[in-house]
Amino acid sequence: MEDNDFQQQELFETEKYISDLVDEKTKKKSSTLNIIFLSSFLTSTIVLSFLFFFGVFEEEEIILPDPVTITETIKEKELVMPRVDSTEVVSIAEIATKTIVQLQVGERNQEDEFISIGGGSGVVIDQKGLIITNHHVIENATDVRVIFEDGRMYEASIVGSDKLTDIGVVRIENDNLSPINFGNSEGVFVGDLAVAIGHPLTLGAAPTVTTGVISALDRRLDVGSEAMNNAVTLFGLIQTDAPITRGSSGGALLNSSGELIGITTAIATADVGAEGLGFAVPINLALGIVEDILDDGKVFHAFLGILGAQYFEVADDGARIFSGVLIEELYGPANDIYAIGKAGALPGDVIKKINDTKIATLDQLITILRNKRAGDAITVEILRDENTITLDFTLDLRPSDV
């Protein structure tokens, strides 16, 4: 009995002991966690303080750039129109190039072989082989060849030429040609389309086409050389910026309809080379010269018989105005009196009008005379001592040595 009680009591005491151990263990564990937590807190505080001290947690200042304003500019698209409508030029060239020929000028050697010494261009002006060119192209030539754009070559004969206007005429034996269409050079205006066709530098059988505009009218140009005894001053020329160069002389200057308005004759040059300006004899003047050559073999140029100078009037504001031609001398070979002198004009008179055309410049007067012939009747209005006098007379023949 005592033993059983002892065992039960021991078991009970044992059980109580285990509970105490568990409780003690729990308390010990709780105490340990508290210590760990406290240590961690202190460590974290120390670390954070250290980081804060060294500025780790300082907020970095963000610098924003100044605002940029982007402005988009939208421009209306500019439509650039070509100065020359190429399709128009193509149509002109297709027809006209068949009438523009290359001229080869030369002489025969002892073996009767053709030796080329120069060349230029020409324009077919009638169905039966008549071709117009420049005087200086065929001057002093003995043999001339004509080459068409398709390569056909003909021997040509020289019909005649005129130095004063630089117009020449040759003919080939072919009566089935297509002549060029003629325009009216009196209806040409500055700014009009200009198409030049010729054979620059004798580059081949096919002609060269260049374009530009009519840049001026009634130009004068000194051509030739005194040393070579071929110097002459050309008047009333059409000026163009269509490129013209050596070999194009005698070629065609055409309008927007493909009509012939001039025969290209010269280019402007300076010490630095070509100036980009070309000149042409107006077709109205050229055809008159051709007619004279065909009818008479030469041209009977008119002669007025004066040495003239530019006359000016003074406007109210002091400006000088071109207003006529002053007769400085009555002029002629052997001191003879010609045309206007015989009609009663005197030195000091001012020519104001010819056949109802007001005369402003000396160049204008000479241009009008280039279109006149010896024997033509004209009416000239002159100013003498503030009195207007009208003279009616016929023009004389220009002397050969003038």
Protein backbone atom coordinates (compact mmCIF):
# COMPACT_ATOMS: atom_id res chain seq x y z
CA MET A 1 0.00 0.00 0.00
CA GLU A 2 2.71 2.33 0.89
CA ASP A 3 4.65 1.28 -2.15
CA ASN A 4 1.71 2.01 -4.47
CA ASP A 5 1.20 5.39 -2.95
CA PHE A 6 4.81 6.05 -3.33
CA GLN A 7 4.70 5.21 -7.06
CA GLN A 8 1.61 7.29 -7.63
CA GLN A 9 3.11 10.13 -5.73
CA GLU A 10 6.30 9.82 -7.70
CA LEU A 11 4.43 9.78 -10.97
CA PHE A 12 2.50 12.83 -9.95
CA GLU A 13 5.58 14.59 -8.90
CA THR A 14 7.29 13.58 -12.07
CA GLU A 15 4.46 14.90 -14.18
CA LYS A 16 4.58 18.18 -12.31
CA TYR A 17 8.26 18.46 -12.87
CA ILE A 18 7.88 18.12 -16.65
CA SER A 19 5.28 20.90 -16.77
CA ASP A 20 7.58 23.10 -14.83
CA LEU A 21 10.33 22.35 -17.29
CA VAL A 22 8.08 23.24 -20.21
CA ASP A 23 7.03 26.42 -18.56
CA GLU A 24 10.57 27.30 -17.72
CA LYS A 25 11.68 26.51 -21.25
CA THR A 26 8.94 28.73 -22.64
CA LYS A 27 9.94 31.56 -20.41
CA LYS A 28 13.54 31.08 -21.32
CA LYS A 29 12.71 31.07 -25.03
CA SER A 30 10.62 34.24 -24.63
CA SER A 31 13.48 35.89 -22.81
CA THR A 32 15.87 34.89 -25.61
CA LEU A 33 13.57 36.32 -28.30
CA ASN A 34 13.35 39.54 -26.35
CA ILE A 35 17.06 39.74 -26.17
CA ILE A 36 17.42 39.01 -29.90
CA PHE A 37 14.78 41.60 -30.78
CA LEU A 38 16.38 44.18 -28.57
CA SER A 39 19.80 43.47 -30.04
CA SER A 40 18.45 43.69 -33.57
CA PHE A 41 16.72 46.96 -32.81
CA LEU A 42 19.83 48.43 -31.33
CA THR A 43 21.96 47.22 -34.23
CA SER A 44 19.51 48.60 -36.77
CA THR A 45 19.41 51.92 -34.97
CA ILE A 46 23.18 52.13 -34.96
CA VAL A 47 23.41 51.22 -38.67
CA LEU A 48 20.69 53.64 -39.68
CA SER A 49 22.30 56.39 -37.63
CA PHE A 50 25.62 55.68 -39.30
CA LEU A 51 24.05 55.78 -42.79
CA PHE A 52 22.14 58.93 -42.00
CA PHE A 53 25.31 60.54 -40.67
CA PHE A 54 27.06 59.92 -43.96
CA GLY A 55 24.17 61.32 -45.96
CA VAL A 56 23.00 58.11 -47.50
CA PHE A 57 19.40 59.07 -46.93
CA GLU A 58 19.77 62.64 -48.09
CA GLU A 59 17.35 63.31 -50.94
CA GLU A 60 19.23 63.97 -54.18
CA GLU A 61 18.25 67.25 -55.76
CA ILE A 62 16.84 66.70 -59.24
CA ILE A 63 17.71 69.56 -61.55
CA LEU A 64 15.18 69.95 -64.31
CA PRO A 65 16.36 71.50 -67.59
CA ASP A 66 14.90 74.73 -68.74
CA PRO A 67 11.79 74.16 -70.75
CA VAL A 68 12.39 73.91 -74.48
CA THR A 69 9.74 75.15 -76.83
CA ILE A 70 9.64 73.25 -80.09
CA THR A 71 7.96 75.21 -82.82
CA GLU A 72 7.19 73.45 -86.07
CA THR A 73 7.10 75.79 -89.02
CA ILE A 74 5.01 74.60 -91.89
CA LYS A 75 5.60 76.43 -95.14
CA GLU A 76 3.40 76.24 -98.12
CA LYS A 77 5.22 74.23 -100.75
CA GLU A 78 6.56 76.51 -103.44
CA LEU A 79 5.79 75.33 -106.93
CA VAL A 80 8.82 76.04 -109.11
CA MET A 81 7.84 76.18 -112.73
CA PRO A 82 10.51 75.55 -115.37
CA ARG A 83 11.43 78.64 -117.39
CA VAL A 84 10.88 76.73 -120.61
CA ASP A 85 8.30 74.07 -121.28
CA SER A 86 10.43 71.19 -122.57
CA THR A 87 7.55 69.60 -124.45
CA GLU A 88 7.15 72.82 -126.43
CA VAL A 89 10.84 72.84 -127.31
CA VAL A 90 10.72 69.17 -128.30
CA SER A 91 7.98 69.92 -130.82
CA ILE A 92 9.94 72.86 -132.22
CA ALA A 93 13.16 70.87 -132.47
CA GLU A 94 11.56 67.88 -134.20
CA ILE A 95 10.48 70.05 -137.12
CA ALA A 96 13.16 72.73 -137.24
CA THR A 97 16.24 70.52 -137.03
CA LYS A 98 15.42 69.13 -140.46
CA THR A 99 15.86 72.62 -141.92
CA ILE A 100 19.05 73.63 -140.07
CA VAL A 101 22.22 72.52 -141.85
CA GLN A 102 25.93 72.42 -141.21
CA LEU A 103 28.22 74.30 -143.59
CA GLN A 104 31.78 73.18 -144.21
CA VAL A 105 33.91 75.80 -145.90
CA GLY A 106 37.17 74.83 -147.57
CA GLU A 107 39.27 74.66 -150.67
CA ARG A 108 40.59 72.08 -153.12
CA ASN A 109 44.16 70.88 -153.09
CA GLN A 110 46.15 69.79 -156.13
CA GLU A 111 44.57 66.35 -155.96
CA ASP A 112 41.12 68.00 -156.00
CA GLU A 113 40.49 66.94 -152.44
CA PHE A 114 38.32 69.08 -150.19
CA ILE A 115 40.28 70.66 -147.35
CA SER A 116 38.11 72.16 -144.62
CA ILE A 117 39.21 75.56 -143.30
CA GLY A 118 36.12 76.55 -141.32
CA GLY A 119 32.41 76.18 -141.04
CA GLY A 120 29.14 77.36 -139.65
CA SER A 121 25.42 76.81 -139.95
CA GLY A 122 22.64 77.59 -142.39
CA VAL A 123 18.86 77.53 -142.69
CA VAL A 124 16.83 76.18 -145.61
CA ILE A 125 14.50 78.98 -146.71
CA ASP A 126 12.90 77.58 -149.86
CA GLN A 127 12.02 74.24 -151.43
CA LYS A 128 14.55 74.55 -154.26
CA GLY A 129 17.77 74.46 -152.29
CA LEU A 130 18.23 78.05 -151.12
CA ILE A 131 20.05 78.36 -147.79
CA ILE A 132 20.69 81.50 -145.74
CA THR A 133 23.80 81.89 -143.57
CA ASN A 134 26.25 84.59 -142.43
CA HIS A 135 28.53 86.58 -144.71
CA HIS A 136 31.51 85.89 -142.46
CA VAL A 137 30.92 82.12 -142.72
CA ILE A 138 31.35 82.01 -146.51
CA GLU A 139 33.56 85.07 -146.99
CA ASN A 140 36.48 84.31 -149.33
CA ALA A 141 35.40 80.66 -149.61
CA THR A 142 35.82 78.72 -152.83
CA ASP A 143 34.10 75.48 -151.83
CA VAL A 144 31.14 74.91 -149.52
CA ARG A 145 29.54 71.68 -148.38
CA VAL A 146 26.08 71.41 -146.84
CA ILE A 147 25.32 68.56 -144.42
CA PHE A 148 21.79 67.76 -143.22
CA GLU A 149 20.89 66.30 -139.84
CA ASP A 150 20.37 62.83 -141.37
CA GLY A 151 23.92 62.86 -142.81
CA ARG A 152 23.15 63.80 -146.43
CA MET A 153 25.92 65.95 -147.90
CA TYR A 154 25.70 68.31 -150.89
CA GLU A 155 28.12 70.54 -152.72
CA ALA A 156 26.87 74.13 -152.58
CA SER A 157 27.41 77.21 -154.73
CA ILE A 158 27.72 80.69 -153.26
CA VAL A 159 24.94 82.99 -154.49
CA GLY A 160 26.16 86.13 -152.74
CA SER A 161 26.60 87.88 -149.40
CA ASP A 162 26.44 91.28 -147.70
CA LYS A 163 29.10 92.43 -145.24
CA LEU A 164 27.11 95.32 -143.79
CA THR A 165 24.38 93.03 -142.44
CA ASP A 166 26.42 89.78 -142.27
CA ILE A 167 23.98 87.84 -144.44
CA GLY A 168 25.00 85.28 -147.07
CA VAL A 169 23.20 82.91 -149.42
CA VAL A 170 24.20 79.51 -150.84
CA ARG A 171 22.33 77.01 -152.97
CA ILE A 172 22.34 73.22 -153.39
CA GLU A 173 20.94 71.12 -156.23
CA ASN A 174 17.82 69.76 -154.57
CA ASP A 175 14.31 70.95 -155.35
CA ASN A 176 12.47 68.86 -152.77
CA LEU A 177 13.47 70.42 -149.47
CA SER A 178 11.31 71.39 -146.51
CA PRO A 179 11.92 75.09 -145.77
CA ILE A 180 11.57 76.63 -142.35
CA ASN A 181 8.54 78.74 -141.45
CA PHE A 182 9.15 82.47 -141.17
CA GLY A 183 8.11 84.58 -138.22
CA ASN A 184 7.91 88.36 -137.85
CA SER A 185 10.87 89.90 -136.06
CA GLU A 186 8.87 93.12 -135.60
CA GLY A 187 6.52 91.18 -133.31
CA VAL A 188 9.25 90.01 -130.92
CA PHE A 189 9.23 91.18 -127.30
CA VAL A 190 11.81 91.05 -124.55
CA GLY A 191 11.12 87.97 -122.45
CA ASP A 192 9.74 85.87 -125.30
CA LEU A 193 10.94 82.29 -125.58
CA ALA A 194 13.99 81.91 -127.82
CA VAL A 195 15.22 78.63 -129.30
CA ALA A 196 18.62 78.64 -131.01
CA ILE A 197 19.56 75.79 -133.36
CA GLY A 198 22.95 75.47 -135.00
CA HIS A 199 26.11 73.43 -135.28
CA PRO A 200 28.49 74.65 -132.57
CA LEU A 201 32.06 73.43 -132.84
CA THR A 202 31.03 71.13 -135.75
CA LEU A 203 30.26 68.38 -133.24
CA GLY A 204 28.32 66.24 -135.73
CA ALA A 205 25.69 66.17 -138.44
CA ALA A 206 22.82 66.64 -135.98
CA PRO A 207 22.36 70.26 -134.83
CA THR A 208 22.38 71.48 -131.24
CA VAL A 209 19.26 72.96 -129.63
CA THR A 210 19.54 75.55 -126.85
CA THR A 211 16.88 77.67 -125.19
CA GLY A 212 16.57 81.01 -123.48
CA VAL A 213 14.66 84.24 -123.88
CA ILE A 214 14.82 87.36 -125.98
CA SER A 215 16.88 89.51 -123.64
CA ALA A 216 17.07 92.77 -125.63
CA LEU A 217 16.25 94.32 -129.00
CA ASP A 218 17.93 96.81 -131.35
CA ARG A 219 21.44 96.03 -130.17
CA ARG A 220 24.59 97.17 -131.97
CA LEU A 221 27.77 95.09 -132.06
CA ASP A 222 31.23 95.62 -133.50
CA VAL A 223 32.44 92.45 -135.19
CA GLY A 224 35.44 91.45 -137.25
CA SER A 225 38.90 92.97 -137.08
CA GLU A 226 40.46 96.09 -138.55
CA ALA A 227 43.70 94.15 -139.01
CA MET A 228 41.91 91.61 -141.21
CA ASN A 229 39.94 94.31 -143.01
CA ASN A 230 36.61 92.75 -142.07
CA ALA A 231 35.52 95.01 -139.22
CA VAL A 232 31.88 96.11 -139.33
CA THR A 233 29.24 97.39 -136.92
CA LEU A 234 25.94 95.51 -136.97
CA PHE A 235 22.76 97.36 -135.98
CA GLY A 236 19.28 96.36 -134.90
CA LEU A 237 20.30 92.94 -133.59
CA ILE A 238 18.16 90.65 -131.44
CA GLN A 239 19.93 89.68 -128.23
CA THR A 240 19.31 86.36 -126.51
CA ASP A 241 20.71 84.37 -123.62
CA ALA A 242 20.20 81.07 -125.48
CA PRO A 243 23.75 79.65 -125.66
CA ILE A 244 25.38 80.33 -129.04
CA THR A 245 28.99 79.51 -129.79
CA ARG A 246 31.49 79.19 -132.61
CA GLY A 247 29.99 77.16 -135.44
CA SER A 248 26.44 78.32 -134.69
CA SER A 249 26.88 81.38 -136.91
CA GLY A 250 24.26 81.33 -139.63
CA GLY A 251 21.91 79.17 -137.58
CA ALA A 252 18.32 79.81 -136.58
CA LEU A 253 16.74 81.78 -133.78
CA LEU A 254 13.15 80.62 -133.39
CA ASN A 255 10.09 81.79 -131.46
CA SER A 256 7.68 79.69 -129.41
CA SER A 257 5.85 78.66 -132.60
CA GLY A 258 9.04 77.32 -134.19
CA GLU A 259 9.15 80.22 -136.66
CA LEU A 260 12.40 81.80 -137.80
CA ILE A 261 12.85 85.26 -136.27
CA GLY A 262 16.60 85.72 -136.67
CA ILE A 263 19.86 84.42 -138.11
CA THR A 264 22.40 83.92 -135.33
CA THR A 265 25.52 85.90 -136.08
CA ALA A 266 27.78 86.54 -133.08
CA ILE A 267 28.42 86.13 -129.38
CA ALA A 268 29.50 88.71 -126.83
CA THR A 269 32.98 88.08 -125.48
CA ALA A 270 35.26 89.64 -122.90
CA ASP A 271 38.75 89.01 -121.58
CA VAL A 272 37.39 86.15 -119.49
CA GLY A 273 35.59 84.49 -122.41
CA ALA A 274 31.98 84.29 -123.58
CA GLU A 275 29.49 86.47 -121.73
CA GLY A 276 26.49 84.22 -122.28
CA LEU A 277 24.87 86.59 -124.77
CA GLY A 278 24.17 85.85 -128.40
CA PHE A 279 22.96 88.03 -131.24
CA ALA A 280 20.88 87.45 -134.34
CA VAL A 281 20.05 89.47 -137.45
CA PRO A 282 16.26 90.03 -137.49
CA ILE A 283 14.63 87.88 -140.14
CA ASN A 284 12.71 90.81 -141.65
CA LEU A 285 16.01 92.53 -142.41
CA ALA A 286 17.71 89.30 -143.51
CA LEU A 287 15.01 88.37 -146.01
CA GLY A 288 15.23 91.83 -147.57
CA ILE A 289 18.96 91.32 -148.05
CA VAL A 290 18.37 87.86 -149.57
CA GLU A 291 15.85 89.31 -152.02
CA ASP A 292 18.34 91.95 -153.13
CA ILE A 293 21.09 89.37 -153.57
CA LEU A 294 18.82 87.14 -155.65
CA ASP A 295 17.58 90.04 -157.79
CA ASP A 296 20.76 92.05 -158.25
CA GLY A 297 23.62 89.98 -156.87
CA LYS A 298 24.31 92.68 -154.28
CA VAL A 299 22.60 95.09 -151.91
CA PHE A 300 22.07 98.76 -152.79
CA HIS A 301 22.37 100.22 -149.29
CA ALA A 302 20.87 103.63 -148.63
CA PHE A 303 22.99 106.64 -147.71
CA LEU A 304 21.76 109.70 -145.84
CA GLY A 305 24.98 111.71 -146.08
CA ILE A 306 25.70 112.98 -142.57
CA LEU A 307 28.03 112.64 -139.63
CA GLY A 308 25.62 112.46 -136.71
CA ALA A 309 25.73 112.60 -132.94
CA GLN A 310 23.28 111.85 -130.17
CA TYR A 311 21.00 114.79 -129.33
CA PHE A 312 19.55 115.30 -125.86
CA GLU A 313 16.82 117.47 -124.44
CA VAL A 314 16.70 118.47 -120.79
CA ALA A 315 13.58 117.74 -118.74
CA ASP A 316 12.17 120.05 -116.07
CA ASP A 317 13.84 117.98 -113.36
CA GLY A 318 17.22 118.19 -115.07
CA ALA A 319 17.22 114.73 -116.64
CA ARG A 320 18.73 114.34 -120.11
CA ILE A 321 16.43 112.67 -122.63
CA PHE A 322 17.40 110.92 -125.88
CA SER A 323 15.48 112.95 -128.42
CA GLY A 324 17.03 112.89 -131.88
CA VAL A 325 20.17 112.94 -134.01
CA LEU A 326 22.26 116.07 -134.39
CA ILE A 327 23.72 116.68 -137.86
CA GLU A 328 27.34 117.58 -137.14
CA GLU A 329 28.47 117.53 -140.78
CA LEU A 330 27.04 116.92 -144.22
CA TYR A 331 29.26 114.02 -145.16
CA GLY A 332 30.32 112.21 -148.28
CA PRO A 333 33.43 111.17 -150.23
CA ALA A 334 35.30 114.05 -151.90
CA ASN A 335 33.20 116.39 -149.77
CA ASP A 336 30.22 115.76 -151.99
CA ILE A 337 26.73 116.51 -150.72
CA TYR A 338 24.33 113.56 -150.53
CA ALA A 339 20.64 112.92 -150.00
CA ILE A 340 19.59 114.99 -146.99
CA GLY A 341 22.13 117.72 -147.75
CA LYS A 342 20.78 118.10 -151.26
CA ALA A 343 17.29 118.31 -149.75
CA GLY A 344 18.29 121.37 -147.71
CA ALA A 345 19.49 120.09 -144.31
CA LEU A 346 22.29 122.01 -142.58
CA PRO A 347 24.82 121.25 -139.85
CA GLY A 348 23.20 121.92 -136.51
CA ASP A 349 19.82 120.57 -137.59
CA VAL A 350 18.29 117.82 -135.47
CA ILE A 351 16.57 114.82 -137.10
CA LYS A 352 13.39 114.19 -135.11
CA LYS A 353 11.33 111.88 -137.30
CA ILE A 354 11.57 109.62 -140.38
CA ASN A 355 8.36 108.58 -142.14
CA ASP A 356 6.24 109.24 -139.03
CA THR A 357 8.65 107.25 -136.81
CA LYS A 358 10.07 109.34 -133.98
CA ILE A 359 13.85 109.18 -133.82
CA ALA A 360 15.37 109.02 -130.34
CA THR A 361 18.87 107.62 -130.89
CA LEU A 362 21.56 107.47 -133.53
CA ASP A 363 21.45 103.65 -133.48
CA GLN A 364 17.73 103.76 -134.22
CA LEU A 365 18.34 106.00 -137.23
CA ILE A 366 21.00 103.67 -138.65
CA THR A 367 18.79 100.61 -138.08
CA ILE A 368 16.02 102.25 -140.11
CA LEU A 369 18.49 103.04 -142.91
CA ARG A 370 19.66 99.39 -142.97
CA ASN A 371 16.14 98.48 -144.02
CA LYS A 372 16.06 101.12 -146.77
CA ARG A 373 17.57 100.99 -150.23
CA ALA A 374 19.04 103.55 -152.54
CA GLY A 375 16.25 105.30 -154.44
CA ASP A 376 13.67 104.90 -151.66
CA ALA A 377 11.65 108.05 -151.02
CA ILE A 378 11.48 109.20 -147.41
CA THR A 379 10.18 112.13 -145.38
CA VAL A 380 12.43 113.56 -142.68
CA GLU A 381 11.35 116.01 -140.02
CA ILE A 382 14.12 118.21 -138.63
CA LEU A 383 14.34 120.83 -135.90
CA ARG A 384 16.18 124.07 -136.74
CA ASP A 385 16.26 126.96 -134.28
CA GLU A 386 13.08 125.67 -132.61
CA ASN A 387 11.36 125.52 -136.00
CA THR A 388 10.14 122.24 -137.47
CA ILE A 389 11.00 121.66 -141.13
CA THR A 390 9.88 118.74 -143.31
CA LEU A 391 12.16 117.45 -146.09
CA ASP A 392 11.07 115.03 -148.82
CA PHE A 393 13.81 113.33 -150.87
CA THR A 394 15.21 110.03 -152.13
CA LEU A 395 18.07 108.18 -150.49
CA ASP A 396 21.40 107.90 -152.29
CA LEU A 397 23.55 104.81 -152.77
CA ARG A 398 26.01 104.20 -149.97
CA PRO A 399 29.56 104.73 -151.37
CA SER A 400 31.75 101.65 -151.30
CA ASP A 401 34.49 103.38 -149.36
CA VAL A 402 32.26 104.49 -146.45
